[in-house]
Amino acid sequence: MIFKNIRSLREDHDKTQQELADYLNVKQTTYSKYELGKINIPIEVFIKLADYYHVSVDYLLGRTTRKK
């Protein structure tokens, strides 16, 4: 599953995949695979990304359009 909101948030905040990968303690290639839906994103990563961007996990998952 591709999570468009994760990529959009990264781009809206002018962050690179490498910067987010460093924050999450994963390789850049792993982060890229998260965005492309090639590998499953662990729940811990969803939580860290939601905290980083100050949005809900449901927003990251595309279950709502409300960020909070």
PDB file of N, CA and C in Angstrom:
ATOM      1  N   MET A   1       0.845  -1.183   0.000  1.00  0.00           N
ATOM      2  CA  MET A   1       0.000   0.000   0.000  1.00  0.00           C
ATOM      3  C   MET A   1       0.889   1.245   0.000  1.00  0.00           C
ATOM      4  N   ILE A   2       0.586   2.182  -0.872  1.00  0.00           N
ATOM      5  CA  ILE A   2       1.343   3.422  -0.957  1.00  0.00           C
ATOM      6  C   ILE A   2       0.686   4.458  -0.050  1.00  0.00           C
ATOM      7  N   PHE A   3       1.497   5.108   0.759  1.00  0.00           N
ATOM      8  CA  PHE A   3       1.003   6.113   1.690  1.00  0.00           C
ATOM      9  C   PHE A   3       1.387   7.492   1.175  1.00  0.00           C
ATOM     10  N   LYS A   4       0.501   8.087   0.369  1.00  0.00           N
ATOM     11  CA  LYS A   4       0.780   9.373  -0.272  1.00  0.00           C
ATOM     12  C   LYS A   4       1.005  10.487   0.736  1.00  0.00           C
ATOM     13  N   ASN A   5       0.310  10.423   1.872  1.00  0.00           N
ATOM     14  CA  ASN A   5       0.450  11.493   2.861  1.00  0.00           C
ATOM     15  C   ASN A   5       1.850  11.548   3.466  1.00  0.00           C
ATOM     16  N   ILE A   6       2.508  10.410   3.561  1.00  0.00           N
ATOM     17  CA  ILE A   6       3.869  10.394   4.115  1.00  0.00           C
ATOM     18  C   ILE A   6       4.815  11.138   3.181  1.00  0.00           C
ATOM     19  N   ARG A   7       4.697  10.873   1.908  1.00  0.00           N
ATOM     20  CA  ARG A   7       5.547  11.573   0.941  1.00  0.00           C
ATOM     21  C   ARG A   7       5.188  13.060   0.870  1.00  0.00           C
ATOM     22  N   SER A   8       3.897  13.357   0.833  1.00  0.00           N
ATOM     23  CA  SER A   8       3.457  14.749   0.757  1.00  0.00           C
ATOM     24  C   SER A   8       3.941  15.563   1.951  1.00  0.00           C
ATOM     25  N   LEU A   9       3.825  15.001   3.133  1.00  0.00           N
ATOM     26  CA  LEU A   9       4.293  15.706   4.325  1.00  0.00           C
ATOM     27  C   LEU A   9       5.792  15.956   4.263  1.00  0.00           C
ATOM     28  N   ARG A  10       6.536  14.960   3.824  1.00  0.00           N
ATOM     29  CA  ARG A  10       7.994  15.124   3.719  1.00  0.00           C
ATOM     30  C   ARG A  10       8.321  16.251   2.754  1.00  0.00           C
ATOM     31  N   GLU A  11       7.677  16.246   1.604  1.00  0.00           N
ATOM     32  CA  GLU A  11       7.943  17.277   0.608  1.00  0.00           C
ATOM     33  C   GLU A  11       7.464  18.651   1.082  1.00  0.00           C
ATOM     34  N   ASP A  12       6.319  18.710   1.749  1.00  0.00           N
ATOM     35  CA  ASP A  12       5.807  19.979   2.266  1.00  0.00           C
ATOM     36  C   ASP A  12       6.731  20.593   3.308  1.00  0.00           C
ATOM     37  N   HIS A  13       7.456  19.736   4.017  1.00  0.00           N
ATOM     38  CA  HIS A  13       8.395  20.209   5.042  1.00  0.00           C
ATOM     39  C   HIS A  13       9.822  20.329   4.502  1.00  0.00           C
ATOM     40  N   ASP A  14       9.967  20.208   3.189  1.00  0.00           N
ATOM     41  CA  ASP A  14      11.279  20.330   2.532  1.00  0.00           C
ATOM     42  C   ASP A  14      12.331  19.421   3.156  1.00  0.00           C
ATOM     43  N   LYS A  15      11.933  18.188   3.416  1.00  0.00           N
ATOM     44  CA  LYS A  15      12.843  17.192   3.974  1.00  0.00           C
ATOM     45  C   LYS A  15      13.203  16.179   2.901  1.00  0.00           C
ATOM     46  N   THR A  16      14.389  15.640   3.018  1.00  0.00           N
ATOM     47  CA  THR A  16      14.815  14.582   2.104  1.00  0.00           C
ATOM     48  C   THR A  16      14.488  13.230   2.720  1.00  0.00           C
ATOM     49  N   GLN A  17      14.495  12.223   1.872  1.00  0.00           N
ATOM     50  CA  GLN A  17      14.312  10.869   2.399  1.00  0.00           C
ATOM     51  C   GLN A  17      15.422  10.530   3.380  1.00  0.00           C
ATOM     52  N   GLN A  18      16.626  11.001   3.102  1.00  0.00           N
ATOM     53  CA  GLN A  18      17.753  10.710   3.994  1.00  0.00           C
ATOM     54  C   GLN A  18      17.537  11.316   5.376  1.00  0.00           C
ATOM     55  N   GLU A  19      17.016  12.540   5.430  1.00  0.00           N
ATOM     56  CA  GLU A  19      16.760  13.175   6.726  1.00  0.00           C
ATOM     57  C   GLU A  19      15.745  12.380   7.540  1.00  0.00           C
ATOM     58  N   LEU A  20      14.694  11.918   6.882  1.00  0.00           N
ATOM     59  CA  LEU A  20      13.694  11.120   7.600  1.00  0.00           C
ATOM     60  C   LEU A  20      14.248   9.755   7.970  1.00  0.00           C
ATOM     61  N   ALA A  21      15.033   9.181   7.091  1.00  0.00           N
ATOM     62  CA  ALA A  21      15.655   7.887   7.394  1.00  0.00           C
ATOM     63  C   ALA A  21      16.552   8.015   8.619  1.00  0.00           C
ATOM     64  N   ASP A  22      17.322   9.093   8.688  1.00  0.00           N
ATOM     65  CA  ASP A  22      18.185   9.319   9.857  1.00  0.00           C
ATOM     66  C   ASP A  22      17.346   9.445  11.129  1.00  0.00           C
ATOM     67  N   TYR A  23      16.251  10.197  11.046  1.00  0.00           N
ATOM     68  CA  TYR A  23      15.364  10.371  12.200  1.00  0.00           C
ATOM     69  C   TYR A  23      14.795   9.034  12.665  1.00  0.00           C
ATOM     70  N   LEU A  24      14.474   8.168  11.709  1.00  0.00           N
ATOM     71  CA  LEU A  24      13.868   6.876  12.026  1.00  0.00           C
ATOM     72  C   LEU A  24      14.894   5.773  12.276  1.00  0.00           C
ATOM     73  N   ASN A  25      16.171   6.106  12.096  1.00  0.00           N
ATOM     74  CA  ASN A  25      17.246   5.128  12.261  1.00  0.00           C
ATOM     75  C   ASN A  25      17.112   3.951  11.301  1.00  0.00           C
ATOM     76  N   VAL A  26      16.799   4.274  10.035  1.00  0.00           N
ATOM     77  CA  VAL A  26      16.749   3.268   8.980  1.00  0.00           C
ATOM     78  C   VAL A  26      17.574   3.778   7.809  1.00  0.00           C
ATOM     79  N   LYS A  27      17.848   2.905   6.864  1.00  0.00           N
ATOM     80  CA  LYS A  27      18.564   3.316   5.653  1.00  0.00           C
ATOM     81  C   LYS A  27      17.625   4.112   4.755  1.00  0.00           C
ATOM     82  N   GLN A  28      18.206   4.957   3.924  1.00  0.00           N
ATOM     83  CA  GLN A  28      17.415   5.746   2.987  1.00  0.00           C
ATOM     84  C   GLN A  28      16.618   4.841   2.064  1.00  0.00           C
ATOM     85  N   THR A  29      17.217   3.746   1.649  1.00  0.00           N
ATOM     86  CA  THR A  29      16.516   2.822   0.753  1.00  0.00           C
ATOM     87  C   THR A  29      15.288   2.211   1.441  1.00  0.00           C
ATOM     88  N   THR A  30      15.399   1.965   2.734  1.00  0.00           N
ATOM     89  CA  THR A  30      14.266   1.442   3.495  1.00  0.00           C
ATOM     90  C   THR A  30      13.149   2.473   3.537  1.00  0.00           C
ATOM     91  N   TYR A  31      13.528   3.718   3.821  1.00  0.00           N
ATOM     92  CA  TYR A  31      12.513   4.772   3.865  1.00  0.00           C
ATOM     93  C   TYR A  31      11.826   4.924   2.508  1.00  0.00           C
ATOM     94  N   SER A  32      12.597   4.864   1.445  1.00  0.00           N
ATOM     95  CA  SER A  32      12.042   4.958   0.100  1.00  0.00           C
ATOM     96  C   SER A  32      11.026   3.845  -0.138  1.00  0.00           C
ATOM     97  N   LYS A  33      11.353   2.660   0.319  1.00  0.00           N
ATOM     98  CA  LYS A  33      10.438   1.524   0.162  1.00  0.00           C
ATOM     99  C   LYS A  33       9.162   1.724   0.979  1.00  0.00           C
ATOM    100  N   TYR A  34       9.260   2.403   2.130  1.00  0.00           N
ATOM    101  CA  TYR A  34       8.060   2.745   2.889  1.00  0.00           C
ATOM    102  C   TYR A  34       7.141   3.612   2.036  1.00  0.00           C
ATOM    103  N   GLU A  35       7.702   4.673   1.452  1.00  0.00           N
ATOM    104  CA  GLU A  35       6.900   5.601   0.654  1.00  0.00           C
ATOM    105  C   GLU A  35       6.287   4.929  -0.571  1.00  0.00           C
ATOM    106  N   LEU A  36       7.014   4.021  -1.160  1.00  0.00           N
ATOM    107  CA  LEU A  36       6.542   3.349  -2.370  1.00  0.00           C
ATOM    108  C   LEU A  36       5.617   2.164  -2.082  1.00  0.00           C
ATOM    109  N   GLY A  37       5.480   1.810  -0.809  1.00  0.00           N
ATOM    110  CA  GLY A  37       4.632   0.691  -0.443  1.00  0.00           C
ATOM    111  C   GLY A  37       5.240  -0.663  -0.749  1.00  0.00           C
ATOM    112  N   LYS A  38       6.559  -0.704  -0.897  1.00  0.00           N
ATOM    113  CA  LYS A  38       7.223  -1.968  -1.229  1.00  0.00           C
ATOM    114  C   LYS A  38       7.446  -2.850  -0.004  1.00  0.00           C
ATOM    115  N   ILE A  39       7.492  -2.219   1.177  1.00  0.00           N
ATOM    116  CA  ILE A  39       7.596  -2.985   2.421  1.00  0.00           C
ATOM    117  C   ILE A  39       6.618  -2.386   3.428  1.00  0.00           C
ATOM    118  N   ASN A  40       6.191  -3.202   4.363  1.00  0.00           N
ATOM    119  CA  ASN A  40       5.276  -2.740   5.399  1.00  0.00           C
ATOM    120  C   ASN A  40       5.994  -1.805   6.361  1.00  0.00           C
ATOM    121  N   ILE A  41       5.269  -0.795   6.794  1.00  0.00           N
ATOM    122  CA  ILE A  41       5.811   0.164   7.749  1.00  0.00           C
ATOM    123  C   ILE A  41       5.436  -0.307   9.147  1.00  0.00           C
ATOM    124  N   PRO A  42       6.437  -0.512  10.001  1.00  0.00           N
ATOM    125  CA  PRO A  42       6.128  -0.925  11.377  1.00  0.00           C
ATOM    126  C   PRO A  42       5.324   0.162  12.105  1.00  0.00           C
ATOM    127  N   ILE A  43       4.449  -0.245  13.005  1.00  0.00           N
ATOM    128  CA  ILE A  43       3.618   0.699  13.746  1.00  0.00           C
ATOM    129  C   ILE A  43       4.463   1.728  14.487  1.00  0.00           C
ATOM    130  N   GLU A  44       5.632   1.305  14.977  1.00  0.00           N
ATOM    131  CA  GLU A  44       6.507   2.238  15.690  1.00  0.00           C
ATOM    132  C   GLU A  44       6.939   3.385  14.781  1.00  0.00           C
ATOM    133  N   VAL A  45       7.137   3.094  13.508  1.00  0.00           N
ATOM    134  CA  VAL A  45       7.534   4.117  12.541  1.00  0.00           C
ATOM    135  C   VAL A  45       6.359   5.063  12.288  1.00  0.00           C
ATOM    136  N   PHE A  46       5.159   4.518  12.153  1.00  0.00           N
ATOM    137  CA  PHE A  46       3.986   5.376  11.986  1.00  0.00           C
ATOM    138  C   PHE A  46       3.859   6.348  13.160  1.00  0.00           C
ATOM    139  N   ILE A  47       4.062   5.851  14.352  1.00  0.00           N
ATOM    140  CA  ILE A  47       3.944   6.697  15.545  1.00  0.00           C
ATOM    141  C   ILE A  47       5.006   7.784  15.535  1.00  0.00           C
ATOM    142  N   LYS A  48       6.238   7.418  15.212  1.00  0.00           N
ATOM    143  CA  LYS A  48       7.312   8.421  15.159  1.00  0.00           C
ATOM    144  C   LYS A  48       7.042   9.476  14.096  1.00  0.00           C
ATOM    145  N   LEU A  49       6.540   9.056  12.939  1.00  0.00           N
ATOM    146  CA  LEU A  49       6.232  10.018  11.882  1.00  0.00           C
ATOM    147  C   LEU A  49       5.072  10.919  12.281  1.00  0.00           C
ATOM    148  N   ALA A  50       4.063  10.364  12.913  1.00  0.00           N
ATOM    149  CA  ALA A  50       2.927  11.173  13.371  1.00  0.00           C
ATOM    150  C   ALA A  50       3.399  12.208  14.387  1.00  0.00           C
ATOM    151  N   ASP A  51       4.255  11.816  15.291  1.00  0.00           N
ATOM    152  CA  ASP A  51       4.805  12.752  16.276  1.00  0.00           C
ATOM    153  C   ASP A  51       5.665  13.817  15.598  1.00  0.00           C
ATOM    154  N   TYR A  52       6.471  13.402  14.645  1.00  0.00           N
ATOM    155  CA  TYR A  52       7.376  14.319  13.944  1.00  0.00           C
ATOM    156  C   TYR A  52       6.596  15.410  13.210  1.00  0.00           C
ATOM    157  N   TYR A  53       5.540  15.016  12.520  1.00  0.00           N
ATOM    158  CA  TYR A  53       4.755  15.960  11.726  1.00  0.00           C
ATOM    159  C   TYR A  53       3.569  16.559  12.491  1.00  0.00           C
ATOM    160  N   HIS A  54       3.334  16.096  13.711  1.00  0.00           N
ATOM    161  CA  HIS A  54       2.209  16.573  14.531  1.00  0.00           C
ATOM    162  C   HIS A  54       0.872  16.310  13.827  1.00  0.00           C
ATOM    163  N   VAL A  55       0.717  15.090  13.348  1.00  0.00           N
ATOM    164  CA  VAL A  55      -0.516  14.648  12.716  1.00  0.00           C
ATOM    165  C   VAL A  55      -0.940  13.320  13.342  1.00  0.00           C
ATOM    166  N   SER A  56      -2.141  12.879  13.005  1.00  0.00           N
ATOM    167  CA  SER A  56      -2.599  11.591  13.530  1.00  0.00           C
ATOM    168  C   SER A  56      -2.085  10.448  12.652  1.00  0.00           C
ATOM    169  N   VAL A  57      -2.007   9.283  13.246  1.00  0.00           N
ATOM    170  CA  VAL A  57      -1.638   8.090  12.484  1.00  0.00           C
ATOM    171  C   VAL A  57      -2.696   7.819  11.414  1.00  0.00           C
ATOM    172  N   ASP A  58      -3.962   8.080  11.735  1.00  0.00           N
ATOM    173  CA  ASP A  58      -5.026   7.896  10.740  1.00  0.00           C
ATOM    174  C   ASP A  58      -4.785   8.776   9.512  1.00  0.00           C
ATOM    175  N   TYR A  59      -4.282   9.988   9.712  1.00  0.00           N
ATOM    176  CA  TYR A  59      -3.969  10.848   8.577  1.00  0.00           C
ATOM    177  C   TYR A  59      -2.855  10.225   7.731  1.00  0.00           C
ATOM    178  N   LEU A  60      -1.830   9.718   8.383  1.00  0.00           N
ATOM    179  CA  LEU A  60      -0.733   9.081   7.649  1.00  0.00           C
ATOM    180  C   LEU A  60      -1.234   7.889   6.844  1.00  0.00           C
ATOM    181  N   LEU A  61      -2.179   7.166   7.409  1.00  0.00           N
ATOM    182  CA  LEU A  61      -2.726   5.980   6.750  1.00  0.00           C
ATOM    183  C   LEU A  61      -3.723   6.329   5.649  1.00  0.00           C
ATOM    184  N   GLY A  62      -4.130   7.591   5.579  1.00  0.00           N
ATOM    185  CA  GLY A  62      -5.102   7.991   4.582  1.00  0.00           C
ATOM    186  C   GLY A  62      -6.528   7.686   4.975  1.00  0.00           C
ATOM    187  N   ARG A  63      -6.753   7.413   6.258  1.00  0.00           N
ATOM    188  CA  ARG A  63      -8.097   7.080   6.746  1.00  0.00           C
ATOM    189  C   ARG A  63      -8.930   8.321   7.022  1.00  0.00           C
ATOM    190  N   THR A  64      -8.277   9.476   7.071  1.00  0.00           N
ATOM    191  CA  THR A  64      -8.967  10.746   7.300  1.00  0.00           C
ATOM    192  C   THR A  64      -8.193  11.852   6.595  1.00  0.00           C
ATOM    193  N   THR A  65      -8.872  12.935   6.317  1.00  0.00           N
ATOM    194  CA  THR A  65      -8.195  14.097   5.733  1.00  0.00           C
ATOM    195  C   THR A  65      -7.842  15.118   6.800  1.00  0.00           C
ATOM    196  N   ARG A  66      -8.319  14.873   8.020  1.00  0.00           N
ATOM    197  CA  ARG A  66      -7.989  15.758   9.147  1.00  0.00           C
ATOM    198  C   ARG A  66      -6.617  15.375   9.682  1.00  0.00           C
ATOM    199  N   LYS A  67      -5.755  16.368   9.785  1.00  0.00           N
ATOM    200  CA  LYS A  67      -4.389  16.080  10.236  1.00  0.00           C
ATOM    201  C   LYS A  67      -4.312  15.733  11.720  1.00  0.00           C
ATOM    202  N   LYS A  68      -5.224  16.245  12.516  1.00  0.00           N
ATOM    203  CA  LYS A  68      -5.205  15.979  13.964  1.00  0.00           C
ATOM    204  C   LYS A  68      -6.388  15.190  14.407  1.00  0.00           C
TER     205      LYS A  68
END
